[in-house]
Protein backbone atom coordinates (compact mmCIF):
# COMPACT_ATOMS: atom_id res chain seq x y z
CA MET A 1 -43.74 -82.82 -17.95
CA LYS A 2 -40.69 -80.25 -17.93
CA SER A 3 -42.06 -76.44 -18.26
CA LEU A 4 -45.13 -74.59 -16.82
CA THR A 5 -45.99 -71.12 -17.63
CA ILE A 6 -48.46 -69.68 -14.80
CA ILE A 7 -50.56 -66.99 -16.19
CA ILE A 8 -51.75 -63.99 -14.04
CA PRO A 9 -54.53 -62.07 -15.57
CA VAL A 10 -53.78 -58.06 -13.98
CA TYR A 11 -56.79 -54.91 -14.01
CA ASN A 12 -55.84 -52.66 -11.42
CA GLU A 13 -54.21 -54.88 -8.35
CA GLU A 14 -51.62 -52.29 -7.86
CA SER A 15 -51.94 -52.69 -3.81
CA CYS A 16 -51.51 -56.54 -3.73
CA LEU A 17 -48.78 -56.62 -6.69
CA HIS A 18 -45.21 -56.43 -4.72
CA LYS A 19 -46.54 -59.28 -1.61
CA LEU A 20 -47.89 -61.16 -4.89
CA PHE A 21 -44.50 -60.99 -6.60
CA SER A 22 -42.83 -62.09 -3.49
CA LEU A 23 -45.07 -65.02 -3.27
CA LEU A 24 -44.68 -65.96 -7.31
CA GLU A 25 -40.48 -65.46 -6.89
CA GLU A 26 -40.44 -67.57 -4.06
CA TYR A 27 -42.57 -70.38 -5.45
CA VAL A 28 -40.48 -70.06 -8.60
CA LYS A 29 -37.43 -70.65 -7.05
CA LYS A 30 -38.76 -73.71 -5.12
CA SER A 31 -40.61 -75.34 -8.28
CA SER A 32 -39.65 -78.96 -9.61
CA LEU A 33 -40.42 -78.02 -12.78
CA GLU A 34 -39.11 -74.96 -14.99
CA THR A 35 -41.29 -72.12 -13.97
CA THR A 36 -42.39 -69.03 -16.20
CA VAL A 37 -44.74 -66.30 -14.36
CA LEU A 38 -46.52 -64.43 -17.36
CA MET A 39 -48.55 -61.41 -16.21
CA ILE A 40 -51.55 -59.96 -18.40
CA ASP A 41 -52.09 -56.74 -18.06
CA ASP A 42 -55.72 -56.18 -19.00
CA GLY A 43 -55.72 -52.26 -19.90
CA SER A 44 -55.46 -51.20 -15.75
CA THR A 45 -55.84 -47.63 -15.09
CA ASP A 46 -54.06 -47.43 -11.69
CA GLY A 47 -50.23 -48.17 -11.04
CA SER A 48 -50.27 -51.40 -11.82
CA LEU A 49 -48.47 -52.06 -15.63
CA SER A 50 -46.10 -50.06 -13.98
CA LEU A 51 -45.04 -51.89 -11.18
CA ILE A 52 -45.15 -55.11 -13.58
CA GLU A 53 -43.04 -53.50 -16.15
CA LYS A 54 -40.87 -53.08 -13.40
CA PHE A 55 -40.68 -56.17 -11.94
CA CYS A 56 -40.48 -58.11 -14.27
CA LEU A 57 -37.28 -56.56 -16.93
CA ASN A 58 -35.24 -57.03 -13.63
CA ASN A 59 -36.76 -61.09 -13.17
CA LYS A 60 -35.55 -63.30 -15.78
CA ASN A 61 -38.16 -65.88 -15.08
CA PHE A 62 -41.17 -63.16 -14.82
CA CYS A 63 -42.45 -61.59 -18.15
CA PHE A 64 -45.58 -59.63 -19.17
CA LEU A 65 -48.13 -58.59 -21.89
CA SER A 66 -50.49 -55.10 -21.65
CA LEU A 67 -53.30 -55.14 -23.27
CA SER A 68 -54.31 -52.23 -25.30
CA ARG A 69 -57.74 -51.62 -23.61
CA ASN A 70 -59.80 -53.65 -21.09
CA SER A 71 -60.86 -56.83 -22.72
CA GLY A 72 -61.98 -59.03 -19.71
CA LEU A 73 -60.96 -62.36 -18.16
CA SER A 74 -61.49 -64.51 -21.10
CA ALA A 75 -59.66 -62.61 -23.34
CA ALA A 76 -56.83 -62.20 -20.98
CA LEU A 77 -55.97 -65.88 -20.32
CA LYS A 78 -56.36 -66.14 -23.84
CA CYS A 79 -53.73 -64.09 -24.75
CA GLY A 80 -51.57 -65.86 -21.80
CA ILE A 81 -52.38 -68.72 -23.28
CA ASP A 82 -51.43 -67.85 -27.27
CA TYR A 83 -47.92 -66.78 -26.15
CA ALA A 84 -47.04 -69.63 -23.58
CA GLU A 85 -44.22 -71.87 -24.47
CA SER A 86 -44.42 -74.50 -22.30
CA ASP A 87 -45.93 -78.20 -21.62
CA LEU A 88 -48.13 -76.78 -18.91
CA ILE A 89 -50.13 -73.89 -18.64
CA GLY A 90 -51.23 -72.92 -14.87
CA TYR A 91 -53.77 -69.79 -14.05
CA MET A 92 -54.53 -67.64 -11.04
CA ASP A 93 -55.65 -64.48 -10.25
CA ALA A 94 -53.77 -61.63 -8.70
CA ASP A 95 -56.25 -61.03 -5.93
CA LEU A 96 -53.78 -63.56 -3.81
CA GLN A 97 -57.19 -64.90 -1.95
CA THR A 98 -54.86 -68.02 -3.73
CA SER A 99 -51.27 -69.15 -2.65
CA PRO A 100 -49.02 -70.22 -6.03
CA GLU A 101 -47.69 -72.81 -3.49
CA ASP A 102 -51.01 -75.01 -4.06
CA PHE A 103 -49.87 -75.13 -7.96
CA ASN A 104 -47.70 -78.20 -6.30
CA SER A 105 -50.72 -80.00 -4.89
CA LEU A 106 -51.97 -79.79 -8.49
CA LEU A 107 -49.42 -81.12 -9.87
CA GLN A 108 -49.18 -84.56 -8.48
CA PHE A 109 -51.72 -85.62 -10.51
CA ILE A 110 -50.20 -84.57 -14.02
CA PRO A 111 -49.51 -86.14 -16.16
CA GLU A 112 -52.50 -88.81 -15.34
CA TYR A 113 -54.99 -85.66 -16.21
CA ASP A 114 -55.10 -83.12 -18.61
CA MET A 115 -56.32 -80.45 -15.82
CA VAL A 116 -56.11 -80.46 -12.59
CA MET A 117 -58.13 -78.00 -10.35
CA GLY A 118 -58.53 -76.85 -7.04
CA TYR A 119 -61.83 -75.79 -5.02
CA ARG A 120 -61.74 -73.48 -2.41
CA ILE A 121 -62.14 -74.84 1.01
CA ASN A 122 -63.62 -72.58 4.08
CA ARG A 123 -63.64 -69.47 1.65
CA LYS A 124 -63.15 -66.50 3.31
CA ASP A 125 -65.63 -64.34 0.85
CA GLY A 126 -68.41 -61.83 1.66
CA PHE A 127 -72.14 -63.00 1.87
CA VAL A 128 -72.91 -61.72 -1.63
CA LYS A 129 -70.14 -63.29 -3.04
CA LYS A 130 -70.86 -66.88 -1.36
CA ILE A 131 -74.26 -66.58 -2.03
CA SER A 132 -73.83 -65.72 -5.85
CA SER A 133 -71.30 -68.44 -6.58
CA LEU A 134 -73.91 -70.99 -5.06
CA ILE A 135 -76.62 -70.09 -6.65
CA ALA A 136 -74.24 -69.47 -10.37
CA ASN A 137 -72.68 -72.71 -9.35
CA LYS A 138 -76.46 -74.60 -8.69
CA VAL A 139 -77.33 -73.21 -12.45
CA ARG A 140 -74.56 -74.24 -13.95
CA LYS A 141 -74.91 -77.63 -12.60
CA PHE A 142 -78.79 -77.72 -13.79
CA ILE A 143 -77.62 -76.69 -17.39
CA LEU A 144 -74.65 -78.80 -18.03
CA LYS A 145 -75.67 -81.57 -15.91
CA ASP A 146 -71.41 -81.48 -14.68
CA ASP A 147 -70.00 -82.48 -11.19
CA ILE A 148 -67.49 -79.33 -11.04
CA VAL A 149 -67.63 -78.38 -7.11
CA ASP A 150 -66.23 -74.92 -7.72
CA ILE A 151 -66.19 -73.42 -10.83
CA GLY A 152 -64.95 -69.93 -9.82
CA CYS A 153 -61.80 -71.27 -8.18
CA PRO A 154 -58.92 -69.59 -10.34
CA LEU A 155 -56.04 -72.19 -9.25
CA LYS A 156 -55.83 -74.51 -12.45
CA ILE A 157 -53.26 -76.27 -14.45
CA ILE A 158 -53.75 -77.58 -17.58
CA LYS A 159 -52.09 -79.70 -20.51
CA SER A 160 -50.77 -77.24 -23.15
CA GLU A 161 -52.39 -79.43 -25.96
CA TYR A 162 -55.54 -79.03 -24.08
CA ALA A 163 -55.34 -75.37 -23.32
CA LYS A 164 -53.91 -73.84 -26.74
CA ASN A 165 -57.30 -75.84 -28.19
CA LEU A 166 -60.10 -74.17 -25.88
CA ILE A 167 -62.50 -72.40 -27.44
CA LEU A 168 -62.54 -68.95 -25.80
CA PHE A 169 -65.06 -66.18 -26.20
CA HIS A 170 -65.85 -63.44 -23.17
CA GLY A 171 -66.77 -65.09 -19.83
CA MET A 172 -65.53 -69.00 -21.59
CA HIS A 173 -63.04 -68.48 -18.82
CA ARG A 174 -66.05 -69.67 -16.28
CA PHE A 175 -66.09 -72.91 -18.42
CA LEU A 176 -62.46 -74.39 -18.48
CA PRO A 177 -63.20 -78.06 -17.25
CA ASN A 178 -66.32 -77.98 -19.06
CA ALA A 179 -64.56 -77.59 -22.11
CA VAL A 180 -62.08 -80.11 -21.54
CA ILE A 181 -63.94 -82.63 -20.57
CA MET A 182 -65.93 -81.84 -23.81
CA MET A 183 -62.71 -82.40 -25.64
CA GLY A 184 -62.48 -86.00 -23.93
CA GLY A 185 -59.71 -84.82 -21.29
CA ARG A 186 -59.66 -85.98 -17.96
CA VAL A 187 -60.09 -83.31 -15.18
CA LYS A 188 -59.01 -83.89 -11.30
CA GLN A 189 -60.36 -81.63 -9.06
CA ILE A 190 -58.70 -80.88 -5.23
CA PRO A 191 -59.26 -78.57 -2.11
CA VAL A 192 -57.13 -75.96 -1.90
CA ARG A 193 -56.77 -73.03 0.56
CA HIS A 194 -58.75 -69.80 0.03
CA TYR A 195 -57.76 -66.45 2.32
CA PRO A 196 -59.34 -63.12 2.59
CA ARG A 197 -59.09 -60.65 -0.08
CA ILE A 198 -56.59 -57.73 2.10
CA ALA A 199 -56.32 -55.32 -0.47
CA GLY A 200 -57.61 -53.90 -3.86
CA LYS A 201 -61.72 -54.81 -4.55
CA SER A 202 -63.37 -57.51 -6.36
CA LYS A 203 -64.58 -56.42 -9.96
CA TYR A 204 -67.63 -58.60 -9.86
CA ASN A 205 -70.92 -58.33 -8.24
CA LEU A 206 -74.42 -60.16 -7.76
CA LEU A 207 -75.23 -59.06 -10.71
CA ASN A 208 -72.56 -59.61 -13.45
CA ARG A 209 -72.10 -63.13 -11.58
CA LEU A 210 -75.66 -64.53 -12.65
CA ILE A 211 -76.66 -63.25 -15.53
CA GLY A 212 -73.34 -63.35 -17.50
CA PRO A 213 -72.52 -67.30 -16.41
CA PHE A 214 -76.00 -67.62 -16.69
CA VAL A 215 -76.41 -66.93 -20.50
CA THR A 216 -72.63 -68.60 -21.09
CA ALA A 217 -73.96 -71.66 -20.07
CA LEU A 218 -76.74 -71.41 -22.19
CA ILE A 219 -74.18 -70.87 -24.85
CA PHE A 220 -72.11 -73.64 -23.46
CA ARG A 221 -75.06 -75.82 -23.31
CA TRP A 222 -75.19 -75.83 -27.33
CA MET A 223 -71.71 -76.61 -27.87
CA GLN A 224 -71.79 -79.69 -25.68
CA LYS A 225 -74.73 -80.88 -27.97
CA ASN A 226 -73.18 -80.09 -31.06
CA TYR A 227 -69.69 -80.79 -30.64
CA ILE A 228 -68.10 -82.90 -33.19
CA ARG A 229 -66.29 -86.37 -32.38
CA TYR A 230 -65.42 -89.45 -34.36
CA GLN A 231 -63.42 -92.56 -34.53
CA ILE A 232 -61.38 -94.27 -36.98
CA LYS A 233 -62.19 -97.59 -38.08
CA SER A 234 -59.52 -98.36 -39.99
CA LYS A 235 -57.84 -96.09 -42.86
CA LYS A 236 -55.24 -96.14 -45.40
CA LEU A 237 -53.35 -92.27 -45.86
CA CYS A 238 -52.07 -91.06 -48.86
CA PRO A 239 -48.18 -90.46 -48.46
CA LYS A 240 -46.88 -87.15 -48.06
């Protein structure tokens, strides 16, 4: 594995961006892989896009795509995956609650695993966010029968051949490890650090943390049961 693209969806995170740029710039300098950061502005209405444009135009390892309207996290993630041209695709949020330095911990398990993801220890979220995540995780585990510890942790690295073949629809960003497993990939989970949000505000509340994931989990369960798998017993292919 020679290259990594870190995808970062951004929606109205103006107050976080200066520190985020600094942390990412430092990580890119130290990374053992050729690393590019791809910012996806998801139709921000604050000054996020202006800051992203200015920074990326002056830093060769940073690039951006700007969506014409707010399309949601899954759409922003798909956009980034579609345009990434690296061996590995990383993903993290722009809210500074995880650190790009922890990508080094994830990379230790590549290429043995097809996806390596974090699970947040000593979470620094408020009560409502913690309890809604707890309920959502329990509901998902009941429906999908998986062993994913922290499906909402945004820190992930996926081999490009799996990322490019993900079936993505709105809300699907919550089920990336399940999708990789469904395709026959191996997923590793490791603990990562978590920090309190120091600027901006969360885009989710108790309602959209529970109803959306519940509906998407039911849809994904249908996909799991109907996913086409086959093995070739013998073959004689026609010449090209």
